[in-house]
């Protein structure tokens, strides 16, 4: 079965940190760009970050620059999103997606073909 699986979501206080993981099963992430997106139910999906095949090039949404870091695991088939200094507006469902190329870091949905089911990040008071 070809799928991407996100994990690492959970409850977090404002100012806290979480690390999300995206693992591939049945498909390869190595050699492809990978992106993270987020979306509240009923709202438009928002680009968060993307990383190229080598991990050397990244792209971030302005809203998360300096707070989030996207990286690749050594084996190449896992991608991480380290989220620090979390804000209430960061709490939503996060999705990872595999790019259609090795180096296109576009924020456009059309630049990605395989998508995961999402992991929920929830704010706690």
C-alpha atoms as a PDB file:
ATOM      1  CA  UNK A   1       0.000   0.000   0.000  1.00  0.00           C
ATOM      2  CA  UNK A   2       1.426   3.337  -1.033  1.00  0.00           C
ATOM      3  CA  UNK A   3       0.991   5.906   1.698  1.00  0.00           C
ATOM      4  CA  UNK A   4       2.488   8.649   3.781  1.00  0.00           C
ATOM      5  CA  UNK A   5       1.918   8.545   7.515  1.00  0.00           C
ATOM      6  CA  UNK A   6       2.273  11.559   9.765  1.00  0.00           C
ATOM      7  CA  UNK A   7       2.867  11.300  13.501  1.00  0.00           C
ATOM      8  CA  UNK A   8       3.920  13.447  16.415  1.00  0.00           C
ATOM      9  CA  UNK A   9       0.891  15.637  16.785  1.00  0.00           C
ATOM     10  CA  UNK A  10      -0.688  16.228  20.166  1.00  0.00           C
ATOM     11  CA  UNK A  11      -1.457  18.748  22.855  1.00  0.00           C
ATOM     12  CA  UNK A  12       0.902  21.657  23.213  1.00  0.00           C
ATOM     13  CA  UNK A  13       0.930  24.903  25.155  1.00  0.00           C
ATOM     14  CA  UNK A  14       1.670  28.234  23.555  1.00  0.00           C
ATOM     15  CA  UNK A  15       5.428  28.609  23.355  1.00  0.00           C
ATOM     16  CA  UNK A  16       5.946  24.873  23.364  1.00  0.00           C
ATOM     17  CA  UNK A  17       7.472  22.531  20.790  1.00  0.00           C
ATOM     18  CA  UNK A  18       6.494  19.472  18.824  1.00  0.00           C
ATOM     19  CA  UNK A  19       8.261  17.400  16.191  1.00  0.00           C
ATOM     20  CA  UNK A  20       6.145  15.925  13.445  1.00  0.00           C
ATOM     21  CA  UNK A  21       7.322  12.974  11.376  1.00  0.00           C
ATOM     22  CA  UNK A  22       6.332  11.870   7.899  1.00  0.00           C
ATOM     23  CA  UNK A  23       7.143   8.297   6.938  1.00  0.00           C
ATOM     24  CA  UNK A  24       6.584   6.621   3.610  1.00  0.00           C
ATOM     25  CA  UNK A  25       5.274   3.133   3.047  1.00  0.00           C
ATOM     26  CA  UNK A  26       5.216   1.560  -0.366  1.00  0.00           C
ATOM     27  CA  UNK A  27       6.618   4.675  -1.993  1.00  0.00           C
ATOM     28  CA  UNK A  28       9.923   6.469  -1.842  1.00  0.00           C
ATOM     29  CA  UNK A  29      10.538   9.886  -0.355  1.00  0.00           C
ATOM     30  CA  UNK A  30      14.199   9.745  -1.138  1.00  0.00           C
ATOM     31  CA  UNK A  31      14.910  11.606  -4.340  1.00  0.00           C
ATOM     32  CA  UNK A  32      11.800  13.755  -4.075  1.00  0.00           C
ATOM     33  CA  UNK A  33      10.970  17.104  -2.542  1.00  0.00           C
ATOM     34  CA  UNK A  34       8.625  16.844   0.435  1.00  0.00           C
ATOM     35  CA  UNK A  35       6.297  19.438   1.856  1.00  0.00           C
ATOM     36  CA  UNK A  36       4.257  20.098   4.962  1.00  0.00           C
ATOM     37  CA  UNK A  37       0.864  21.772   4.799  1.00  0.00           C
ATOM     38  CA  UNK A  38      -1.822  22.532   7.348  1.00  0.00           C
ATOM     39  CA  UNK A  39      -5.545  22.919   7.134  1.00  0.00           C
ATOM     40  CA  UNK A  40      -8.481  23.651   9.389  1.00  0.00           C
ATOM     41  CA  UNK A  41     -11.610  21.742   8.376  1.00  0.00           C
ATOM     42  CA  UNK A  42     -13.610  23.851   5.937  1.00  0.00           C
ATOM     43  CA  UNK A  43     -10.727  26.213   5.238  1.00  0.00           C
ATOM     44  CA  UNK A  44      -8.134  26.438   2.511  1.00  0.00           C
ATOM     45  CA  UNK A  45      -4.998  24.344   2.836  1.00  0.00           C
ATOM     46  CA  UNK A  46      -1.956  26.403   3.770  1.00  0.00           C
ATOM     47  CA  UNK A  47       1.646  25.723   2.772  1.00  0.00           C
ATOM     48  CA  UNK A  48       4.032  25.434   5.724  1.00  0.00           C
ATOM     49  CA  UNK A  49       7.438  24.232   4.501  1.00  0.00           C
ATOM     50  CA  UNK A  50       9.190  22.171   1.845  1.00  0.00           C
ATOM     51  CA  UNK A  51      12.571  20.505   1.467  1.00  0.00           C
ATOM     52  CA  UNK A  52      14.372  19.312  -1.620  1.00  0.00           C
ATOM     53  CA  UNK A  53      15.682  15.820  -2.241  1.00  0.00           C
ATOM     54  CA  UNK A  54      19.085  16.441  -0.639  1.00  0.00           C
ATOM     55  CA  UNK A  55      17.888  18.466   2.314  1.00  0.00           C
ATOM     56  CA  UNK A  56      20.103  21.371   1.341  1.00  0.00           C
ATOM     57  CA  UNK A  57      17.311  23.648   0.118  1.00  0.00           C
ATOM     58  CA  UNK A  58      14.194  24.584   2.030  1.00  0.00           C
ATOM     59  CA  UNK A  59      11.251  26.933   1.703  1.00  0.00           C
ATOM     60  CA  UNK A  60       9.047  28.239   4.525  1.00  0.00           C
ATOM     61  CA  UNK A  61       5.846  30.172   4.798  1.00  0.00           C
ATOM     62  CA  UNK A  62       6.435  33.615   6.285  1.00  0.00           C
ATOM     63  CA  UNK A  63       4.184  32.725   9.207  1.00  0.00           C
ATOM     64  CA  UNK A  64       6.536  29.977  10.421  1.00  0.00           C
ATOM     65  CA  UNK A  65       9.984  31.254   9.410  1.00  0.00           C
ATOM     66  CA  UNK A  66      12.404  31.204  12.310  1.00  0.00           C
ATOM     67  CA  UNK A  67      10.136  28.922  14.358  1.00  0.00           C
ATOM     68  CA  UNK A  68       9.751  25.761  12.258  1.00  0.00           C
ATOM     69  CA  UNK A  69      12.494  23.610  10.750  1.00  0.00           C
ATOM     70  CA  UNK A  70      12.013  20.965   8.089  1.00  0.00           C
ATOM     71  CA  UNK A  71      14.629  18.242   7.757  1.00  0.00           C
ATOM     72  CA  UNK A  72      15.191  14.788   6.305  1.00  0.00           C
ATOM     73  CA  UNK A  73      16.174  11.640   8.126  1.00  0.00           C
ATOM     74  CA  UNK A  74      19.425   9.917   7.239  1.00  0.00           C
ATOM     75  CA  UNK A  75      17.678   7.062   5.487  1.00  0.00           C
ATOM     76  CA  UNK A  76      15.854   9.529   3.270  1.00  0.00           C
ATOM     77  CA  UNK A  77      12.400   8.062   3.696  1.00  0.00           C
ATOM     78  CA  UNK A  78      11.409  10.187   6.681  1.00  0.00           C
ATOM     79  CA  UNK A  79      10.905  13.927   6.837  1.00  0.00           C
ATOM     80  CA  UNK A  80      10.504  15.924  10.020  1.00  0.00           C
ATOM     81  CA  UNK A  81       8.937  19.232  10.961  1.00  0.00           C
ATOM     82  CA  UNK A  82      10.344  20.678  14.181  1.00  0.00           C
ATOM     83  CA  UNK A  83       7.910  23.263  15.495  1.00  0.00           C
ATOM     84  CA  UNK A  84       9.114  25.636  18.210  1.00  0.00           C
ATOM     85  CA  UNK A  85       7.582  28.699  19.843  1.00  0.00           C
ATOM     86  CA  UNK A  86       4.157  27.446  18.897  1.00  0.00           C
ATOM     87  CA  UNK A  87       1.333  29.931  18.716  1.00  0.00           C
ATOM     88  CA  UNK A  88      -2.418  29.350  19.052  1.00  0.00           C
ATOM     89  CA  UNK A  89      -2.797  29.938  15.316  1.00  0.00           C
ATOM     90  CA  UNK A  90      -0.492  26.971  14.644  1.00  0.00           C
ATOM     91  CA  UNK A  91      -2.996  24.499  16.093  1.00  0.00           C
ATOM     92  CA  UNK A  92      -4.655  22.590  13.280  1.00  0.00           C
ATOM     93  CA  UNK A  93      -4.176  19.442  11.201  1.00  0.00           C
ATOM     94  CA  UNK A  94      -0.782  19.011   9.549  1.00  0.00           C
ATOM     95  CA  UNK A  95      -0.222  17.001   6.359  1.00  0.00           C
ATOM     96  CA  UNK A  96       2.909  15.900   4.569  1.00  0.00           C
ATOM     97  CA  UNK A  97       3.084  15.419   0.833  1.00  0.00           C
ATOM     98  CA  UNK A  98       5.581  14.115  -1.673  1.00  0.00           C
ATOM     99  CA  UNK A  99       6.642  16.443  -4.433  1.00  0.00           C
ATOM    100  CA  UNK A 100       6.394  15.563  -8.090  1.00  0.00           C
ATOM    101  CA  UNK A 101      10.044  16.503  -8.560  1.00  0.00           C
ATOM    102  CA  UNK A 102      13.285  16.398  -6.634  1.00  0.00           C
ATOM    103  CA  UNK A 103      13.756  20.108  -6.192  1.00  0.00           C
ATOM    104  CA  UNK A 104      10.514  22.036  -6.759  1.00  0.00           C
ATOM    105  CA  UNK A 105       9.776  23.775  -3.449  1.00  0.00           C
ATOM    106  CA  UNK A 106       6.674  25.507  -4.708  1.00  0.00           C
ATOM    107  CA  UNK A 107       3.896  26.122  -2.233  1.00  0.00           C
ATOM    108  CA  UNK A 108       1.309  25.037  -4.776  1.00  0.00           C
ATOM    109  CA  UNK A 109      -0.759  21.912  -4.081  1.00  0.00           C
ATOM    110  CA  UNK A 110      -0.257  20.804  -7.668  1.00  0.00           C
ATOM    111  CA  UNK A 111       3.461  20.322  -7.060  1.00  0.00           C
ATOM    112  CA  UNK A 112       2.719  17.388  -4.756  1.00  0.00           C
ATOM    113  CA  UNK A 113       1.158  14.035  -5.572  1.00  0.00           C
ATOM    114  CA  UNK A 114       0.987  11.727  -2.535  1.00  0.00           C
ATOM    115  CA  UNK A 115      -0.576  13.044   0.669  1.00  0.00           C
ATOM    116  CA  UNK A 116      -0.824  11.687   4.190  1.00  0.00           C
ATOM    117  CA  UNK A 117      -3.937  11.533   6.371  1.00  0.00           C
ATOM    118  CA  UNK A 118      -2.793  14.258   8.722  1.00  0.00           C
ATOM    119  CA  UNK A 119      -1.836  14.633  12.358  1.00  0.00           C
ATOM    120  CA  UNK A 120      -3.629  16.966  14.761  1.00  0.00           C
ATOM    121  CA  UNK A 121      -1.844  19.672  16.718  1.00  0.00           C
ATOM    122  CA  UNK A 122      -4.066  20.978  19.500  1.00  0.00           C
ATOM    123  CA  UNK A 123      -3.476  23.843  21.866  1.00  0.00           C
ATOM    124  CA  UNK A 124      -3.865  23.268  25.587  1.00  0.00           C
ATOM    125  CA  UNK A 125      -4.650  25.939  28.122  1.00  0.00           C
END
